[in-house]
Amino acid sequence: MEENQRRRTVTSSVKSGIGFGSALAMVISYVSWHSVGWAILHGIFGWLYVIYYVIKY
């Protein structure tokens, strides 16, 4: 039972992290470019765009 609980916690954390990365990428993109289209595209890339933004700017 303990192993199942641990697995659910890890799965939940990973899903939250991926969602947060996409949301963060979309916000950064919209603030920078003022374009919903770019925000959606960058939201798809998620953490990759966030890392790129941190390195570039």
N, C-alpha and C. Protein backbone atom coordinates (compact mmCIF):
# COMPACT_ATOMS: atom_id res chain seq x y z
N MET A 1 0.82 -1.20 0.00
CA MET A 1 0.00 0.00 0.00
C MET A 1 0.86 1.26 0.00
N GLU A 2 1.95 1.24 0.75
CA GLU A 2 2.83 2.39 0.84
C GLU A 2 3.47 2.72 -0.52
N GLU A 3 3.81 1.70 -1.29
CA GLU A 3 4.42 1.89 -2.62
C GLU A 3 3.44 2.57 -3.57
N ASN A 4 2.17 2.20 -3.52
CA ASN A 4 1.16 2.83 -4.37
C ASN A 4 0.99 4.31 -4.02
N GLN A 5 0.99 4.63 -2.76
CA GLN A 5 0.85 6.02 -2.32
C GLN A 5 2.04 6.84 -2.82
N ARG A 6 3.21 6.29 -2.70
CA ARG A 6 4.42 6.99 -3.15
C ARG A 6 4.37 7.22 -4.66
N ARG A 7 3.96 6.22 -5.39
CA ARG A 7 3.87 6.32 -6.85
C ARG A 7 2.86 7.39 -7.26
N ARG A 8 1.72 7.46 -6.57
CA ARG A 8 0.71 8.49 -6.87
C ARG A 8 1.23 9.88 -6.57
N THR A 9 1.99 10.02 -5.48
CA THR A 9 2.56 11.32 -5.12
C THR A 9 3.55 11.78 -6.18
N VAL A 10 4.42 10.89 -6.64
CA VAL A 10 5.40 11.24 -7.68
C VAL A 10 4.68 11.59 -8.97
N THR A 11 3.71 10.80 -9.37
CA THR A 11 2.97 11.07 -10.60
C THR A 11 2.26 12.42 -10.52
N SER A 12 1.65 12.71 -9.40
CA SER A 12 0.97 13.99 -9.21
C SER A 12 1.95 15.15 -9.26
N SER A 13 3.11 14.98 -8.66
CA SER A 13 4.12 16.04 -8.66
C SER A 13 4.64 16.31 -10.06
N VAL A 14 4.86 15.26 -10.82
CA VAL A 14 5.36 15.43 -12.19
C VAL A 14 4.33 16.15 -13.04
N LYS A 15 3.07 15.78 -12.92
CA LYS A 15 2.03 16.45 -13.69
C LYS A 15 1.92 17.92 -13.31
N SER A 16 2.02 18.24 -12.05
CA SER A 16 1.96 19.63 -11.60
C SER A 16 3.15 20.42 -12.11
N GLY A 17 4.31 19.82 -12.10
CA GLY A 17 5.51 20.48 -12.59
C GLY A 17 5.43 20.80 -14.06
N ILE A 18 4.93 19.88 -14.84
CA ILE A 18 4.79 20.09 -16.27
C ILE A 18 3.78 21.19 -16.53
N GLY A 19 2.68 21.20 -15.81
CA GLY A 19 1.67 22.24 -15.96
C GLY A 19 2.20 23.60 -15.57
N PHE A 20 2.96 23.66 -14.49
CA PHE A 20 3.53 24.92 -14.05
C PHE A 20 4.53 25.46 -15.06
N GLY A 21 5.35 24.58 -15.64
CA GLY A 21 6.32 25.00 -16.65
C GLY A 21 5.65 25.59 -17.88
N SER A 22 4.58 24.98 -18.31
CA SER A 22 3.85 25.49 -19.46
C SER A 22 3.20 26.83 -19.16
N ALA A 23 2.60 26.94 -17.98
CA ALA A 23 1.96 28.21 -17.60
C ALA A 23 2.99 29.32 -17.48
N LEU A 24 4.12 29.02 -16.88
CA LEU A 24 5.18 30.01 -16.74
C LEU A 24 5.70 30.45 -18.10
N ALA A 25 5.89 29.51 -19.01
CA ALA A 25 6.36 29.84 -20.36
C ALA A 25 5.36 30.74 -21.07
N MET A 26 4.08 30.46 -20.92
CA MET A 26 3.06 31.26 -21.58
C MET A 26 3.03 32.69 -21.03
N VAL A 27 3.15 32.83 -19.73
CA VAL A 27 3.13 34.17 -19.12
C VAL A 27 4.36 34.97 -19.57
N ILE A 28 5.53 34.36 -19.50
CA ILE A 28 6.75 35.04 -19.93
C ILE A 28 6.63 35.45 -21.39
N SER A 29 6.15 34.55 -22.22
CA SER A 29 6.02 34.82 -23.64
C SER A 29 5.05 35.96 -23.91
N TYR A 30 3.91 35.95 -23.25
CA TYR A 30 2.92 37.00 -23.50
C TYR A 30 3.42 38.36 -23.04
N VAL A 31 4.08 38.39 -21.90
CA VAL A 31 4.62 39.66 -21.38
C VAL A 31 5.71 40.19 -22.32
N SER A 32 6.52 39.29 -22.87
CA SER A 32 7.62 39.70 -23.74
C SER A 32 7.15 40.10 -25.14
N TRP A 33 6.25 39.31 -25.73
CA TRP A 33 5.89 39.48 -27.13
C TRP A 33 4.50 40.04 -27.36
N HIS A 34 3.65 40.09 -26.35
CA HIS A 34 2.26 40.58 -26.47
C HIS A 34 1.50 39.88 -27.59
N SER A 35 1.67 38.56 -27.66
CA SER A 35 1.02 37.78 -28.71
C SER A 35 0.49 36.47 -28.11
N VAL A 36 -0.79 36.23 -28.30
CA VAL A 36 -1.40 34.99 -27.80
C VAL A 36 -0.86 33.79 -28.57
N GLY A 37 -0.62 33.97 -29.87
CA GLY A 37 -0.09 32.87 -30.69
C GLY A 37 1.26 32.39 -30.20
N TRP A 38 2.17 33.34 -29.94
CA TRP A 38 3.48 32.97 -29.42
C TRP A 38 3.35 32.35 -28.04
N ALA A 39 2.45 32.87 -27.23
CA ALA A 39 2.26 32.33 -25.88
C ALA A 39 1.82 30.87 -25.94
N ILE A 40 0.92 30.55 -26.85
CA ILE A 40 0.47 29.16 -26.99
C ILE A 40 1.61 28.27 -27.44
N LEU A 41 2.36 28.73 -28.44
CA LEU A 41 3.49 27.94 -28.94
C LEU A 41 4.53 27.72 -27.84
N HIS A 42 4.85 28.76 -27.12
CA HIS A 42 5.83 28.62 -26.05
C HIS A 42 5.28 27.77 -24.90
N GLY A 43 3.97 27.81 -24.68
CA GLY A 43 3.37 26.95 -23.67
C GLY A 43 3.52 25.48 -24.02
N ILE A 44 3.48 25.18 -25.30
CA ILE A 44 3.68 23.79 -25.74
C ILE A 44 5.11 23.34 -25.42
N PHE A 45 6.07 24.22 -25.62
CA PHE A 45 7.47 23.88 -25.32
C PHE A 45 7.76 23.91 -23.83
N GLY A 46 6.97 24.65 -23.07
CA GLY A 46 7.06 24.65 -21.61
C GLY A 46 8.41 25.04 -21.06
N TRP A 47 9.01 24.13 -20.29
CA TRP A 47 10.26 24.41 -19.60
C TRP A 47 11.39 24.75 -20.55
N LEU A 48 11.36 24.22 -21.77
CA LEU A 48 12.43 24.55 -22.73
C LEU A 48 12.47 26.05 -23.00
N TYR A 49 11.30 26.66 -23.16
CA TYR A 49 11.26 28.10 -23.40
C TYR A 49 11.67 28.88 -22.14
N VAL A 50 11.28 28.41 -20.99
CA VAL A 50 11.65 29.09 -19.74
C VAL A 50 13.17 29.08 -19.59
N ILE A 51 13.79 27.95 -19.82
CA ILE A 51 15.26 27.85 -19.72
C ILE A 51 15.91 28.75 -20.77
N TYR A 52 15.40 28.74 -21.99
CA TYR A 52 15.93 29.60 -23.04
C TYR A 52 15.84 31.07 -22.64
N TYR A 53 14.72 31.48 -22.09
CA TYR A 53 14.52 32.87 -21.69
C TYR A 53 15.50 33.26 -20.59
N VAL A 54 15.71 32.38 -19.63
CA VAL A 54 16.63 32.68 -18.54
C VAL A 54 18.06 32.83 -19.07
N ILE A 55 18.46 31.97 -19.98
CA ILE A 55 19.81 32.05 -20.54
C ILE A 55 19.96 33.28 -21.43
N LYS A 56 18.97 33.56 -22.25
CA LYS A 56 19.05 34.65 -23.22
C LYS A 56 18.94 36.01 -22.56
N TYR A 57 18.05 36.18 -21.60
CA TYR A 57 17.80 37.48 -21.00
C TYR A 57 18.24 37.46 -19.56
